[in-house]
């Protein structure tokens, strides 16, 4: 990841492509569901 002037992280195109290849495939639906559940559960617990 790369930082912009405000020290915020921005996504690089290669990261977006890797995400789409991994999580955009119907065969990997369970991986996406697990990832989103982990993110949301962590966020809700905070």
PDB file of N, CA and C in Angstrom:
ATOM      1  N   UNK A   1       0.835  -1.186   0.000  1.00  0.00           N
ATOM      2  CA  UNK A   1       0.000   0.000   0.000  1.00  0.00           C
ATOM      3  C   UNK A   1       0.874   1.242   0.000  1.00  0.00           C
ATOM      4  N   UNK A   2       0.294   2.296  -0.406  1.00  0.00           N
ATOM      5  CA  UNK A   2       1.000   3.546  -0.584  1.00  0.00           C
ATOM      6  C   UNK A   2       0.302   4.614   0.248  1.00  0.00           C
ATOM      7  N   UNK A   3       1.045   5.603   0.713  1.00  0.00           N
ATOM      8  CA  UNK A   3       0.441   6.682   1.482  1.00  0.00           C
ATOM      9  C   UNK A   3       0.325   7.935   0.636  1.00  0.00           C
ATOM     10  N   UNK A   4      -0.763   8.669   0.821  1.00  0.00           N
ATOM     11  CA  UNK A   4      -0.889   9.950   0.147  1.00  0.00           C
ATOM     12  C   UNK A   4      -0.423  11.059   1.086  1.00  0.00           C
ATOM     13  N   UNK A   5      -0.628  12.290   0.716  1.00  0.00           N
ATOM     14  CA  UNK A   5      -0.102  13.410   1.506  1.00  0.00           C
ATOM     15  C   UNK A   5      -0.651  13.463   2.925  1.00  0.00           C
ATOM     16  N   UNK A   6      -1.852  13.005   3.141  1.00  0.00           N
ATOM     17  CA  UNK A   6      -2.461  13.055   4.479  1.00  0.00           C
ATOM     18  C   UNK A   6      -2.153  11.808   5.298  1.00  0.00           C
ATOM     19  N   UNK A   7      -1.190  10.993   4.844  1.00  0.00           N
ATOM     20  CA  UNK A   7      -0.804   9.751   5.523  1.00  0.00           C
ATOM     21  C   UNK A   7      -1.920   8.718   5.563  1.00  0.00           C
ATOM     22  N   UNK A   8      -2.867   8.813   4.642  1.00  0.00           N
ATOM     23  CA  UNK A   8      -3.915   7.810   4.515  1.00  0.00           C
ATOM     24  C   UNK A   8      -3.463   6.769   3.499  1.00  0.00           C
ATOM     25  N   UNK A   9      -3.845   5.535   3.720  1.00  0.00           N
ATOM     26  CA  UNK A   9      -3.479   4.478   2.790  1.00  0.00           C
ATOM     27  C   UNK A   9      -4.419   4.503   1.589  1.00  0.00           C
ATOM     28  N   UNK A  10      -3.862   4.256   0.426  1.00  0.00           N
ATOM     29  CA  UNK A  10      -4.656   4.131  -0.787  1.00  0.00           C
ATOM     30  C   UNK A  10      -4.327   2.794  -1.430  1.00  0.00           C
ATOM     31  N   UNK A  11      -5.289   2.243  -2.130  1.00  0.00           N
ATOM     32  CA  UNK A  11      -5.091   0.944  -2.777  1.00  0.00           C
ATOM     33  C   UNK A  11      -4.344   1.121  -4.085  1.00  0.00           C
ATOM     34  N   UNK A  12      -3.429   0.224  -4.337  1.00  0.00           N
ATOM     35  CA  UNK A  12      -2.734   0.189  -5.609  1.00  0.00           C
ATOM     36  C   UNK A  12      -3.524  -0.699  -6.563  1.00  0.00           C
ATOM     37  N   UNK A  13      -3.464  -0.429  -7.872  1.00  0.00           N
ATOM     38  CA  UNK A  13      -4.215  -1.252  -8.830  1.00  0.00           C
ATOM     39  C   UNK A  13      -3.893  -2.742  -8.745  1.00  0.00           C
ATOM     40  N   UNK A  14      -2.642  -3.109  -8.463  1.00  0.00           N
ATOM     41  CA  UNK A  14      -2.314  -4.535  -8.383  1.00  0.00           C
ATOM     42  C   UNK A  14      -2.990  -5.192  -7.186  1.00  0.00           C
ATOM     43  N   UNK A  15      -3.211  -4.446  -6.107  1.00  0.00           N
ATOM     44  CA  UNK A  15      -3.931  -4.997  -4.960  1.00  0.00           C
ATOM     45  C   UNK A  15      -5.396  -5.228  -5.309  1.00  0.00           C
ATOM     46  N   UNK A  16      -5.973  -4.288  -6.055  1.00  0.00           N
ATOM     47  CA  UNK A  16      -7.363  -4.423  -6.469  1.00  0.00           C
ATOM     48  C   UNK A  16      -7.539  -5.636  -7.379  1.00  0.00           C
ATOM     49  N   UNK A  17      -6.618  -5.822  -8.293  1.00  0.00           N
ATOM     50  CA  UNK A  17      -6.686  -6.972  -9.202  1.00  0.00           C
ATOM     51  C   UNK A  17      -6.565  -8.285  -8.429  1.00  0.00           C
ATOM     52  N   UNK A  18      -5.634  -8.339  -7.493  1.00  0.00           N
ATOM     53  CA  UNK A  18      -5.462  -9.561  -6.696  1.00  0.00           C
ATOM     54  C   UNK A  18      -6.732  -9.851  -5.886  1.00  0.00           C
ATOM     55  N   UNK A  19      -7.335  -8.810  -5.316  1.00  0.00           N
ATOM     56  CA  UNK A  19      -8.569  -8.980  -4.544  1.00  0.00           C
ATOM     57  C   UNK A  19      -9.678  -9.525  -5.444  1.00  0.00           C
ATOM     58  N   UNK A  20      -9.822  -8.940  -6.630  1.00  0.00           N
ATOM     59  CA  UNK A  20     -10.868  -9.400  -7.557  1.00  0.00           C
ATOM     60  C   UNK A  20     -10.635 -10.837  -8.006  1.00  0.00           C
ATOM     61  N   UNK A  21      -9.384 -11.191  -8.281  1.00  0.00           N
ATOM     62  CA  UNK A  21      -9.088 -12.553  -8.714  1.00  0.00           C
ATOM     63  C   UNK A  21      -9.398 -13.561  -7.615  1.00  0.00           C
ATOM     64  N   UNK A  22      -9.080 -13.216  -6.384  1.00  0.00           N
ATOM     65  CA  UNK A  22      -9.283 -14.139  -5.273  1.00  0.00           C
ATOM     66  C   UNK A  22     -10.734 -14.181  -4.819  1.00  0.00           C
ATOM     67  N   UNK A  23     -11.312 -13.016  -4.565  1.00  0.00           N
ATOM     68  CA  UNK A  23     -12.639 -12.975  -3.956  1.00  0.00           C
ATOM     69  C   UNK A  23     -13.771 -12.785  -4.963  1.00  0.00           C
ATOM     70  N   UNK A  24     -13.463 -12.473  -6.216  1.00  0.00           N
ATOM     71  CA  UNK A  24     -14.497 -12.252  -7.216  1.00  0.00           C
ATOM     72  C   UNK A  24     -14.968 -13.516  -7.908  1.00  0.00           C
ATOM     73  N   UNK A  25     -14.344 -14.611  -7.609  1.00  0.00           N
ATOM     74  CA  UNK A  25     -14.698 -15.887  -8.231  1.00  0.00           C
ATOM     75  C   UNK A  25     -15.741 -16.595  -7.362  1.00  0.00           C
ATOM     76  N   UNK A  26     -16.791 -17.050  -7.998  1.00  0.00           N
ATOM     77  CA  UNK A  26     -17.880 -17.736  -7.275  1.00  0.00           C
ATOM     78  C   UNK A  26     -17.361 -18.918  -6.455  1.00  0.00           C
ATOM     79  N   UNK A  27     -16.294 -19.565  -6.943  1.00  0.00           N
ATOM     80  CA  UNK A  27     -15.747 -20.719  -6.216  1.00  0.00           C
ATOM     81  C   UNK A  27     -15.135 -20.311  -4.879  1.00  0.00           C
ATOM     82  N   UNK A  28     -14.811 -19.037  -4.716  1.00  0.00           N
ATOM     83  CA  UNK A  28     -14.195 -18.553  -3.476  1.00  0.00           C
ATOM     84  C   UNK A  28     -15.170 -17.744  -2.617  1.00  0.00           C
ATOM     85  N   UNK A  29     -16.453 -17.967  -2.838  1.00  0.00           N
ATOM     86  CA  UNK A  29     -17.486 -17.228  -2.101  1.00  0.00           C
ATOM     87  C   UNK A  29     -17.332 -17.393  -0.585  1.00  0.00           C
ATOM     88  N   UNK A  30     -16.994 -18.589  -0.151  1.00  0.00           N
ATOM     89  CA  UNK A  30     -16.826 -18.836   1.282  1.00  0.00           C
ATOM     90  C   UNK A  30     -15.679 -18.009   1.866  1.00  0.00           C
ATOM     91  N   UNK A  31     -14.609 -17.828   1.098  1.00  0.00           N
ATOM     92  CA  UNK A  31     -13.492 -16.999   1.565  1.00  0.00           C
ATOM     93  C   UNK A  31     -13.929 -15.556   1.768  1.00  0.00           C
ATOM     94  N   UNK A  32     -14.696 -15.025   0.823  1.00  0.00           N
ATOM     95  CA  UNK A  32     -15.170 -13.651   0.933  1.00  0.00           C
ATOM     96  C   UNK A  32     -16.099 -13.488   2.128  1.00  0.00           C
ATOM     97  N   UNK A  33     -16.985 -14.430   2.325  1.00  0.00           N
ATOM     98  CA  UNK A  33     -17.907 -14.382   3.461  1.00  0.00           C
ATOM     99  C   UNK A  33     -17.136 -14.418   4.773  1.00  0.00           C
ATOM    100  N   UNK A  34     -16.130 -15.273   4.871  1.00  0.00           N
ATOM    101  CA  UNK A  34     -15.312 -15.357   6.085  1.00  0.00           C
ATOM    102  C   UNK A  34     -14.537 -14.067   6.325  1.00  0.00           C
ATOM    103  N   UNK A  35     -13.987 -13.482   5.259  1.00  0.00           N
ATOM    104  CA  UNK A  35     -13.251 -12.226   5.388  1.00  0.00           C
ATOM    105  C   UNK A  35     -14.161 -11.115   5.881  1.00  0.00           C
ATOM    106  N   UNK A  36     -15.311 -10.968   5.252  1.00  0.00           N
ATOM    107  CA  UNK A  36     -16.237  -9.907   5.663  1.00  0.00           C
ATOM    108  C   UNK A  36     -16.751 -10.115   7.080  1.00  0.00           C
ATOM    109  N   UNK A  37     -17.027 -11.347   7.444  1.00  0.00           N
ATOM    110  CA  UNK A  37     -17.483 -11.632   8.807  1.00  0.00           C
ATOM    111  C   UNK A  37     -16.411 -11.254   9.823  1.00  0.00           C
ATOM    112  N   UNK A  38     -15.166 -11.577   9.536  1.00  0.00           N
ATOM    113  CA  UNK A  38     -14.071 -11.240  10.458  1.00  0.00           C
ATOM    114  C   UNK A  38     -13.918  -9.733  10.601  1.00  0.00           C
ATOM    115  N   UNK A  39     -14.037  -9.018   9.484  1.00  0.00           N
ATOM    116  CA  UNK A  39     -13.911  -7.555   9.533  1.00  0.00           C
ATOM    117  C   UNK A  39     -15.061  -6.951  10.329  1.00  0.00           C
ATOM    118  N   UNK A  40     -16.283  -7.376  10.023  1.00  0.00           N
ATOM    119  CA  UNK A  40     -17.446  -6.801  10.700  1.00  0.00           C
ATOM    120  C   UNK A  40     -17.482  -7.165  12.179  1.00  0.00           C
ATOM    121  N   UNK A  41     -17.150  -8.393  12.512  1.00  0.00           N
ATOM    122  CA  UNK A  41     -17.149  -8.792  13.913  1.00  0.00           C
ATOM    123  C   UNK A  41     -16.116  -8.024  14.712  1.00  0.00           C
ATOM    124  N   UNK A  42     -14.936  -7.814  14.132  1.00  0.00           N
ATOM    125  CA  UNK A  42     -13.891  -7.035  14.811  1.00  0.00           C
ATOM    126  C   UNK A  42     -14.354  -5.601  14.987  1.00  0.00           C
ATOM    127  N   UNK A  43     -14.979  -5.042  13.949  1.00  0.00           N
ATOM    128  CA  UNK A  43     -15.447  -3.660  14.006  1.00  0.00           C
ATOM    129  C   UNK A  43     -16.554  -3.506  15.049  1.00  0.00           C
ATOM    130  N   UNK A  44     -17.464  -4.457  15.115  1.00  0.00           N
ATOM    131  CA  UNK A  44     -18.574  -4.374  16.059  1.00  0.00           C
ATOM    132  C   UNK A  44     -18.090  -4.563  17.503  1.00  0.00           C
ATOM    133  N   UNK A  45     -17.025  -5.343  17.687  1.00  0.00           N
ATOM    134  CA  UNK A  45     -16.508  -5.603  19.027  1.00  0.00           C
ATOM    135  C   UNK A  45     -15.728  -4.410  19.576  1.00  0.00           C
ATOM    136  N   UNK A  46     -15.275  -3.535  18.691  1.00  0.00           N
ATOM    137  CA  UNK A  46     -14.453  -2.385  19.114  1.00  0.00           C
ATOM    138  C   UNK A  46     -15.280  -1.287  19.732  1.00  0.00           C
TER     139      UNK A  46
END
